[in-house]
Protein backbone atom coordinates (compact mmCIF):
# COMPACT_ATOMS: atom_id res chain seq x y z
CA MET A 1 138.88 141.55 92.02
CA VAL A 2 142.58 142.66 93.38
CA ALA A 3 145.50 144.03 91.15
CA GLY A 4 148.04 145.27 92.99
CA SER A 5 150.15 148.59 92.61
CA PHE A 6 153.23 147.17 91.66
CA GLN A 7 154.71 144.27 89.60
CA ASP A 8 157.33 141.40 90.80
CA ALA A 9 160.76 141.64 89.34
CA GLN A 10 159.65 138.89 86.24
CA ASN A 11 156.68 141.36 85.51
CA GLU A 12 154.14 138.31 86.08
CA ARG A 13 152.19 138.84 89.38
CA TRP A 14 150.59 142.37 90.59
CA ILE A 15 152.12 142.99 94.13
CA ILE A 16 150.18 144.34 96.96
CA TRP A 17 152.44 146.24 99.68
CA ILE A 18 151.13 146.81 103.00
CA GLY A 19 152.37 147.09 106.61
CA LYS A 20 154.00 143.85 108.30
CA TYR A 21 152.47 145.39 111.32
CA GLU A 22 149.86 147.88 112.26
CA LEU A 23 151.33 151.71 112.83
CA THR A 24 153.01 152.06 116.29
CA LYS A 25 153.66 155.26 118.25
CA GLY A 26 157.60 154.74 117.84
CA GLN A 27 156.82 155.26 113.99
CA PHE A 28 154.97 158.45 114.38
CA VAL A 29 157.29 159.76 116.67
CA ALA A 30 159.85 159.29 114.17
CA VAL A 31 158.59 161.31 111.98
CA MET A 32 156.71 163.79 113.45
CA GLY A 33 158.20 163.86 117.14
CA SER A 34 157.25 163.53 120.70
CA ASP A 35 155.39 167.09 120.56
CA ALA A 36 152.84 166.30 118.07
CA LEU A 37 152.12 163.06 119.57
CA ALA A 38 151.47 164.70 122.83
CA ALA A 39 149.52 167.07 121.02
CA ALA A 40 147.17 165.22 118.52
CA SER A 41 146.91 161.85 121.01
CA GLY A 42 144.01 161.25 123.89
CA ASN A 43 145.53 159.56 125.57
CA SER A 44 146.80 161.14 128.70
CA ALA A 45 149.83 158.53 129.08
CA ASP A 46 151.11 159.94 125.85
CA GLN A 47 151.36 163.27 127.43
CA LYS A 48 154.57 161.87 128.91
CA PHE A 49 156.62 159.62 126.09
CA ASP A 50 159.43 161.92 126.55
CA ASP A 51 160.21 160.65 130.14
CA LEU A 52 160.10 156.97 129.50
CA GLN A 53 163.12 155.08 129.27
CA GLY A 54 164.56 151.32 128.56
CA ARG A 55 161.87 148.70 128.34
CA LYS A 56 159.13 151.21 129.14
CA LEU A 57 160.13 153.32 126.13
CA LYS A 58 160.57 150.14 123.78
CA GLN A 59 157.22 149.22 125.04
CA ALA A 60 155.68 152.48 124.43
CA GLN A 61 157.38 152.53 120.82
CA ALA A 62 155.26 149.30 119.92
CA MET A 63 152.25 149.99 120.70
CA PRO A 64 149.50 150.47 117.89
CA LEU A 65 148.87 154.07 117.33
CA ALA A 66 145.60 154.90 118.72
CA TRP A 67 143.85 157.81 120.73
CA ILE A 68 144.64 160.08 117.08
CA ASP A 69 141.98 161.32 114.90
CA TYR A 70 141.97 160.48 111.17
CA GLN A 71 143.25 163.72 109.71
CA VAL A 72 146.54 163.26 112.31
CA ILE A 73 146.74 160.50 110.28
CA GLU A 74 147.02 162.27 107.04
CA ASP A 75 149.12 164.61 107.98
CA PHE A 76 151.51 161.96 109.11
CA ILE A 77 151.42 160.18 105.71
CA ARG A 78 152.03 163.42 104.17
CA ALA A 79 154.97 164.37 106.83
CA TYR A 80 156.57 160.70 105.56
CA ASN A 81 156.18 161.12 101.96
CA ARG A 82 157.45 164.27 102.26
CA TRP A 83 160.89 163.27 103.75
CA LEU A 84 160.85 160.29 101.73
CA PHE A 85 160.93 162.35 98.54
CA ASP A 86 162.97 165.11 99.97
CA PRO A 87 165.19 166.16 96.69
CA ALA A 88 167.84 166.73 98.75
CA HIS A 89 168.06 163.04 99.98
CA PRO A 90 167.27 160.90 96.52
CA GLU A 91 169.16 157.94 98.54
CA ARG A 92 166.01 157.30 100.85
CA GLN A 93 164.11 156.25 97.50
CA ALA A 94 166.57 153.95 96.26
CA GLY A 95 164.84 150.13 96.79
CA LEU A 96 161.39 151.43 96.39
CA PRO A 97 158.84 149.94 94.54
CA ALA A 98 157.65 151.19 91.06
CA VAL A 99 155.72 151.30 88.20
CA ASP A 100 157.82 152.21 85.18
CA GLY A 101 160.77 153.93 87.47
CA VAL A 102 158.28 155.73 88.85
CA PRO A 103 158.34 154.98 92.56
CA GLY A 104 155.58 154.35 94.72
CA PHE A 105 154.16 156.13 98.03
CA PHE A 106 152.88 155.75 101.26
CA ARG A 107 149.02 155.32 101.89
CA LEU A 108 146.28 153.90 104.14
CA ALA A 109 145.56 150.62 102.38
CA THR A 110 142.22 150.11 101.01
CA GLU A 111 139.43 147.95 101.72
CA ASP A 112 139.77 145.38 99.12
CA GLU A 113 143.90 145.36 99.64
CA TRP A 114 142.98 145.02 103.26
CA GLU A 115 140.58 141.69 103.04
CA TYR A 116 143.07 140.04 100.49
CA SER A 117 145.64 140.10 102.97
CA ALA A 118 143.44 139.28 105.99
CA ARG A 119 142.12 136.24 103.57
CA ASP A 120 145.72 135.21 102.80
CA GLY A 121 146.11 136.09 99.39
CA LEU A 122 146.64 134.17 96.47
CA GLU A 123 147.51 130.97 98.46
CA ALA A 124 144.10 130.84 100.34
CA ILE A 125 142.99 131.03 96.65
CA LYS A 126 144.54 128.11 95.36
CA ASP A 127 144.15 125.66 98.41
CA GLY A 128 140.39 126.28 98.18
CA SER A 129 140.23 128.35 102.00
CA PHE A 130 139.75 132.25 100.48
CA ASN A 131 136.29 132.02 101.69
CA ASP A 132 136.40 130.80 105.25
CA ARG A 133 135.85 132.91 108.27
CA VAL A 134 139.51 132.88 109.19
CA PRO A 135 142.58 131.69 107.59
CA PHE A 136 143.57 129.65 110.59
CA ALA A 137 141.39 126.92 112.43
CA ALA A 138 138.93 129.07 115.04
CA ARG A 139 140.62 127.08 118.03
CA LYS A 140 143.69 128.87 117.74
CA LEU A 141 142.08 132.52 117.45
CA ASN A 142 144.34 133.41 120.98
CA GLU A 143 147.16 132.42 118.83
CA TYR A 144 146.25 134.74 116.21
CA ALA A 145 144.42 137.78 117.43
CA TRP A 146 144.04 139.87 120.35
CA HIS A 147 140.03 140.16 121.16
CA LEU A 148 137.88 141.26 124.32
CA GLY A 149 138.37 137.50 125.52
CA ASN A 150 142.12 137.36 125.99
CA ALA A 151 143.02 141.36 125.92
CA LYS A 152 140.11 143.17 127.77
CA ASN A 153 140.40 145.78 125.92
CA LYS A 154 143.80 146.69 126.20
CA PRO A 155 145.87 146.88 123.00
CA ARG A 156 148.91 145.39 123.34
CA PRO A 157 152.35 146.13 121.33
CA VAL A 158 151.99 145.07 117.69
CA GLY A 159 153.56 141.55 116.72
CA MET A 160 153.07 139.51 119.75
CA ARG A 161 150.71 137.24 118.33
CA LYS A 162 151.37 134.81 115.21
CA PRO A 163 151.27 136.49 111.57
CA ASN A 164 149.43 135.29 108.74
CA ARG A 165 150.41 133.03 105.86
CA LEU A 166 151.52 136.41 104.40
CA GLY A 167 153.80 137.49 107.21
CA ILE A 168 151.76 140.44 108.44
CA HIS A 169 150.60 140.28 112.28
CA ASP A 170 147.01 142.15 113.97
CA LEU A 171 144.89 141.79 111.11
CA TYR A 172 142.19 140.11 112.85
CA GLY A 173 142.74 142.27 116.34
CA ASN A 174 144.58 144.62 118.79
CA VAL A 175 143.20 147.71 116.97
CA HIS A 176 140.90 148.13 114.32
CA GLU A 177 142.77 149.57 111.49
CA MET A 178 141.32 152.71 108.85
CA THR A 179 141.27 151.84 105.39
CA ALA A 180 141.39 154.60 102.56
CA GLY A 181 138.53 155.88 101.35
CA ILE A 182 134.69 156.35 101.84
CA PHE A 183 132.74 153.86 104.16
CA ARG A 184 129.57 152.48 102.30
CA PRO A 185 127.13 149.91 103.58
CA GLU A 186 128.19 147.57 101.19
CA VAL A 187 131.25 147.66 99.38
CA TRP A 188 131.44 149.71 96.43
CA GLN A 189 127.96 150.83 97.55
CA GLY A 190 125.23 152.63 99.21
CA LYS A 191 125.21 155.84 101.16
CA PRO A 192 128.55 157.17 101.67
CA GLY A 193 129.42 158.01 105.35
CA GLY A 194 132.17 158.19 107.20
CA VAL A 195 135.94 156.11 107.28
CA PRO A 196 136.00 152.94 106.21
CA VAL A 197 137.54 150.61 109.44
CA ARG A 198 138.82 146.93 109.20
CA GLY A 199 139.81 144.11 111.34
CA ALA A 200 138.22 143.38 114.88
CA SER A 201 139.98 145.08 118.30
CA VAL A 202 140.40 143.91 121.81
CA SER A 203 137.03 145.53 122.41
CA SER A 204 135.50 142.70 119.71
CA PRO A 205 133.73 139.52 121.18
CA ALA A 206 136.02 136.11 119.90
CA CYS A 207 132.65 135.30 118.08
CA LYS A 208 132.60 138.48 115.83
CA VAL A 209 136.57 138.33 114.13
CA ARG A 210 136.68 137.65 111.02
CA SER A 211 138.86 138.37 107.80
CA SER A 212 135.33 140.76 106.55
CA TYR A 213 134.77 142.44 109.72
CA ARG A 214 134.05 146.24 108.87
CA THR A 215 132.44 149.26 110.68
CA GLU A 216 132.34 153.31 110.16
CA PHE A 217 134.57 155.41 112.03
CA ASP A 218 132.88 158.59 112.68
CA ALA A 219 136.05 160.76 112.02
CA TYR A 220 134.10 163.90 112.32
CA ALA A 221 131.29 163.10 115.39
CA TRP A 222 128.74 165.08 117.62
CA ASP A 223 129.44 165.81 120.79
CA ALA A 224 126.03 166.13 122.02
CA GLU A 225 126.45 167.39 125.25
CA ASN A 226 129.01 170.61 123.85
CA LYS A 227 126.74 170.63 120.82
CA GLN A 228 129.61 170.80 118.68
CA MET A 229 131.23 168.59 115.99
CA VAL A 230 134.54 167.49 116.96
CA LEU A 231 137.32 164.95 115.49
CA ARG A 232 136.61 161.75 117.25
CA ARG A 233 139.45 159.90 118.63
CA THR A 234 139.37 156.37 120.65
CA PHE A 235 141.49 153.97 122.02
CA ASN A 236 140.61 151.54 119.98
CA ILE A 237 141.14 152.43 116.50
CA GLY A 238 144.76 153.20 114.80
CA ALA A 239 146.01 152.66 110.90
CA ARG A 240 148.40 150.27 108.97
CA LEU A 241 150.30 151.95 106.07
CA ALA A 242 150.36 150.36 102.79
CA PHE A 243 152.38 151.79 99.24
CA GLY A 244 150.63 152.62 96.29
CA SER A 245 151.04 154.36 92.80
CA ASN A 246 148.80 156.07 90.34
CA VAL A 247 147.56 153.62 88.15
CA VAL A 248 148.39 155.49 85.24
CA VAL A 249 152.15 157.03 84.97
CA SER A 250 152.42 156.87 81.19
CA SER A 251 151.35 156.07 77.54
CA ALA A 252 153.23 152.64 77.88
CA THR A 253 151.21 151.79 81.05
CA ARG A 254 148.13 152.90 79.48
CA SER A 255 148.53 150.75 76.21
CA ALA A 256 149.32 147.79 78.64
CA LEU A 257 146.45 147.99 80.86
CA GLU A 258 144.27 148.33 77.89
CA LYS A 259 145.47 144.91 76.43
CA GLU A 260 145.15 143.29 80.13
CA TYR A 261 141.69 144.65 80.69
CA ALA A 262 140.82 143.65 77.08
CA GLU A 263 141.80 140.00 78.32
CA TYR A 264 140.37 140.42 81.83
CA ARG A 265 137.03 140.78 80.50
CA LYS A 266 137.28 137.43 78.08
CA THR A 267 138.00 135.50 81.23
CA LEU A 268 138.21 136.29 84.51
CA ARG A 269 135.76 138.72 85.08
CA ARG A 270 132.90 136.59 83.87
CA GLU A 271 133.56 134.25 86.63
CA THR A 272 132.58 137.52 89.40
CA PRO A 273 129.00 138.50 90.05
CA VAL A 274 130.01 142.59 88.67
CA GLY A 275 131.11 140.66 85.71
CA ARG A 276 128.15 138.31 85.19
CA THR A 277 126.05 141.69 85.83
CA LEU A 278 127.62 143.35 83.06
CA ASP A 279 127.88 140.66 80.60
CA ASN A 280 124.53 140.03 80.72
CA LEU A 281 123.11 141.32 77.94
CA VAL A 282 119.46 140.28 78.62
CA SER A 283 119.34 142.39 82.37
CA GLN A 284 120.82 145.46 80.25
CA ALA A 285 118.75 145.48 77.96
CA SER A 286 115.18 145.28 80.60
CA SER A 287 117.10 147.91 82.44
CA GLN A 288 117.18 150.11 79.32
CA LEU A 289 113.59 149.07 78.39
CA ASP A 290 112.80 150.75 81.83
CA THR A 291 114.85 153.85 81.29
CA VAL A 292 113.12 153.91 77.72
CA ASP A 293 109.57 154.63 80.35
CA THR A 294 110.93 157.37 81.94
CA VAL A 295 111.52 159.34 78.44
CA LEU A 296 108.36 158.29 76.90
CA GLN A 297 106.89 159.85 79.78
CA GLN A 298 108.80 162.87 79.78
CA LEU A 299 107.97 162.68 75.89
CA LEU A 300 104.22 162.70 76.52
CA ASP A 301 104.29 165.56 79.65
CA ARG A 302 106.17 167.82 76.96
CA TYR A 303 104.16 167.19 73.51
CA PRO A 304 100.72 165.93 74.53
CA ASP A 305 99.44 165.76 70.96
CA ALA A 306 101.86 162.85 70.09
CA GLN A 307 99.83 160.58 72.64
CA GLY A 308 99.12 158.19 69.74
CA GLN A 309 102.85 157.85 68.67
CA VAL A 310 104.01 157.59 72.13
CA GLN A 311 101.31 155.12 73.32
CA SER A 312 102.73 153.07 70.07
CA ILE A 313 106.19 153.42 70.96
CA GLN A 314 105.00 151.98 74.34
CA SER A 315 103.44 149.10 73.02
CA TYR A 316 106.51 147.87 71.17
CA VAL A 317 108.26 148.49 74.83
CA ASP A 318 106.13 146.72 76.64
CA THR A 319 106.40 143.63 74.25
CA ALA A 320 109.96 143.57 74.10
CA ARG A 321 109.97 143.86 78.04
CA GLY A 322 107.24 140.87 77.88
CA GLN A 323 109.83 138.72 75.78
CA LEU A 324 112.51 139.43 77.75
CA ASP A 325 111.05 138.13 80.93
CA GLN A 326 109.95 135.21 78.64
CA ALA A 327 113.53 134.43 78.17
CA GLN A 328 114.96 135.14 82.44
CA ARG A 329 112.25 132.79 83.38
CA GLU A 330 113.27 130.30 81.11
CA SER A 331 117.06 130.69 81.51
CA ALA A 332 116.75 130.77 85.43
CA ARG A 333 114.04 127.72 85.24
CA SER A 334 117.17 126.04 83.03
CA LEU A 335 120.08 126.86 85.64
CA LEU A 336 118.11 125.70 88.44
CA GLN A 337 117.10 122.03 87.15
CA ASP A 338 120.75 122.03 86.12
CA ALA A 339 121.75 122.74 89.79
CA SER A 340 119.47 120.40 90.88
CA ARG A 341 120.71 117.76 88.59
CA ASN A 342 124.28 118.78 89.94
CA GLY A 343 123.24 118.55 93.85
CA THR A 344 121.57 115.22 93.37
CA ASN A 345 124.69 113.63 91.84
CA LEU A 346 126.70 114.84 94.80
CA SER A 347 124.38 113.65 97.33
CA VAL A 348 124.10 110.49 95.59
CA LEU A 349 128.18 110.40 95.72
CA VAL A 350 128.20 111.37 99.36
CA SER A 351 125.96 108.46 100.71
CA LYS A 352 128.16 106.28 98.36
CA ARG A 353 131.06 107.57 100.35
CA ALA A 354 129.51 106.86 103.67
CA THR A 355 129.20 103.06 102.55
CA LEU A 356 132.88 103.15 100.82
CA GLU A 357 134.15 104.65 104.36
CA THR A 358 132.59 101.70 106.11
CA ALA A 359 133.71 99.02 103.31
CA LYS A 360 137.88 100.65 103.72
CA LYS A 361 137.49 100.02 107.94
CA THR A 362 136.60 96.44 107.03
CA ALA A 363 138.79 95.57 104.63
CA GLU A 364 141.88 97.41 107.03
CA LYS A 365 140.54 95.10 110.13
CA LEU A 366 141.19 91.94 107.51
CA LEU A 367 144.17 93.36 106.49
CA ALA A 368 145.66 93.44 109.94
CA MET A 369 144.97 89.68 110.03
CA SER A 370 146.09 88.88 106.76
CA THR A 371 148.39 90.28 103.81
CA ARG A 372 145.88 88.78 101.53
CA TYR A 373 143.31 91.69 101.64
CA GLN A 374 145.87 94.35 100.43
CA ALA A 375 144.30 93.98 96.57
CA GLN A 376 140.79 94.28 98.36
CA VAL A 377 141.97 97.73 100.88
CA ASP A 378 143.49 99.13 97.56
CA ALA A 379 140.45 98.79 95.41
CA VAL A 380 138.47 100.56 97.84
CA GLN A 381 140.85 103.10 98.41
CA LYS A 382 140.71 104.03 94.46
CA SER A 383 136.97 104.08 94.85
CA LEU A 384 137.22 106.33 97.57
CA ASP A 385 139.21 109.10 95.24
CA GLU A 386 137.40 108.23 92.37
CA ASN A 387 134.25 109.55 94.34
CA ARG A 388 135.82 112.20 95.94
CA ALA A 389 136.72 113.41 92.16
CA ALA A 390 133.75 113.07 91.24
CA ALA A 391 131.93 114.94 94.20
CA GLU A 392 134.18 117.91 93.79
CA GLU A 393 133.17 118.29 90.06
CA GLN A 394 129.67 118.30 90.83
CA TYR A 395 129.81 120.48 93.84
CA LYS A 396 132.24 123.07 91.50
CA ALA A 397 129.32 123.06 88.89
CA TYR A 398 126.66 122.88 91.83
CA LEU A 399 128.15 126.40 92.86
CA GLU A 400 128.75 128.11 90.03
CA LYS A 401 124.80 127.72 89.06
CA VAL A 402 123.53 128.71 92.33
CA ALA A 403 125.46 131.83 91.71
CA LEU A 404 124.20 133.13 88.46
CA ILE A 405 120.81 131.76 89.95
CA GLY A 406 121.09 134.18 92.74
CA ASP A 407 121.81 137.03 90.72
CA TYR A 408 118.44 136.71 89.02
CA GLN A 409 115.58 139.07 90.12
CA ASN A 410 113.39 137.40 92.78
CA GLU A 411 110.39 136.82 90.36
CA PHE A 412 112.28 135.22 87.99
CA ARG A 413 113.92 132.70 91.05
CA THR A 414 110.47 132.16 92.39
CA HIS A 415 109.09 130.99 89.09
CA ALA A 416 112.09 128.44 88.70
CA PHE A 417 111.69 126.86 91.93
CA LYS A 418 107.84 126.69 91.96
CA MET A 419 108.18 124.80 88.20
CA LEU A 420 110.76 122.73 89.61
CA GLN A 421 108.25 121.64 92.56
CA LYS A 422 105.51 120.76 90.40
CA LYS A 423 107.82 117.94 89.13
CA THR A 424 107.30 114.40 90.40
CA LEU A 425 110.43 114.65 92.78
CA SER A 426 112.01 111.54 94.50
CA SER A 427 112.42 112.14 98.30
CA ARG A 428 116.61 112.38 97.96
CA GLU A 429 115.73 115.49 94.70
CA ALA A 430 112.74 117.20 97.07
CA ARG A 431 115.79 117.71 99.87
CA VAL A 432 118.52 118.37 97.77
CA LEU A 433 115.86 121.15 96.01
CA GLU A 434 114.71 122.36 99.72
CA LEU A 435 119.00 122.73 100.26
CA LEU A 436 119.30 124.59 96.89
CA ASP A 437 116.75 127.25 97.74
CA LEU A 438 118.27 128.08 100.91
CA HIS A 439 121.97 128.37 99.13
CA VAL A 440 120.35 130.77 96.56
CA GLN A 441 119.08 132.68 99.22
CA LYS A 442 122.19 132.74 100.93
CA TYR A 443 124.17 133.92 97.66
CA ASN A 444 121.42 136.23 97.01
CA GLU A 445 121.98 138.13 100.76
CA ASN A 446 125.58 137.80 100.82
CA ARG A 447 126.87 137.91 97.84
CA MET A 448 129.42 134.71 97.95
CA VAL A 449 129.08 131.15 98.16
CA ASP A 450 130.08 129.69 101.69
CA LYS A 451 132.13 126.65 100.24
CA ALA A 452 132.82 124.77 103.34
CA VAL A 453 129.44 125.24 105.30
CA TRP A 454 127.22 124.46 102.32
CA LEU A 455 128.99 120.98 101.59
CA GLU A 456 129.23 120.38 105.22
CA GLU A 457 125.54 120.31 104.80
CA PHE A 458 125.63 118.23 102.23
CA ASN A 459 127.55 115.55 104.26
CA LYS A 460 125.20 116.06 106.89
CA ILE A 461 122.27 115.31 105.22
CA PHE A 462 122.95 112.81 102.85
CA SER A 463 126.04 110.47 104.23
CA GLU A 464 123.44 108.15 106.24
CA PHE A 465 120.49 109.37 103.92
CA ARG A 466 118.88 106.28 102.27
């Protein structure tokens, strides 16, 4: 779940403010000066920035800021904010986004802000394309991104490729972009490391370009030759600015946020993987019982004479754990059975659609010869529309249950599949179960449904299934 730092004029939506372009050399020089660029950059060409004139100067100003270490970016942001909030120039704050009259400040975009923007935001959520690899047709990649195939390791001036629907340029290529926070192998979890970097670059093969692209930038790197740590700089890593605010700027905002959070827990959070985990009382109870085991062992180590009492408590814990395990097995089995039913219904609709589409083509050929076949064409089209609506409903239910099953531990998922496989299944049901097994595994690995790809698998398998 992503919420912007600011609200729109009607206080109806949260807004993310993120740079239309990657941070440029021109912007850096405007704030820090050309001498600062020459001192900070690892690119020898930047030493001659002051000598540039005319077209060459404009082109250099429009180049993404690269060859700069992470600390220099932080120094730049600090200087920019200091200039912005200079008490001698209150006019500079005019028009800035604010929360309860408190203006925001420049910072790096967070990973979730960056990816939400790269996926085309709210409009993509509405039209169902948010989970797509990129928010445009793959064949149009060159129109939106500078990558290895069309840029050959050479960054280009910002804004020369098409923007996405939000009007943001170069999210999918040119230079990788540093984001705020600490890199972890998975977003939000894992060993903390260097600086999280988002987006492909001019060094990325076309096949690697995607909205979810992320990697680690070792801001402090080991120089093996000189045996020392250095601040690392490279030609294909830059940054993009965002505008942020503090979460709580007053008691009024705290109260409003608490009310919104209470409503969010009742509704939206339950649709997310983390929400299902946090609200799964059975899963929480199982985890708490595991904690009890540790506490009981500690008691036994401290008070050896209490072994009888501790073992008595342990037996109750083991009984409760067994009951919880059984509840999770039954729940996973029931969900899997429902998902299988949704998948089978969808497969039937896909098979029927192929027949309807053939019938429509035949009716349209007859209509070309005589208008008296219009009613037949209309009837077939109505059946196709009803088929698609029903298929969409079944597929939505199927995906919801795949996500729920994918959140169960492996032993409960495996048991559920074994129980269902013992039943007498038709060839269609057996094929659906194979596909369901694959999709649950994919969800468990990636923590997301691949809506378009999985639907295409259904269409490919069942369009001619008899």
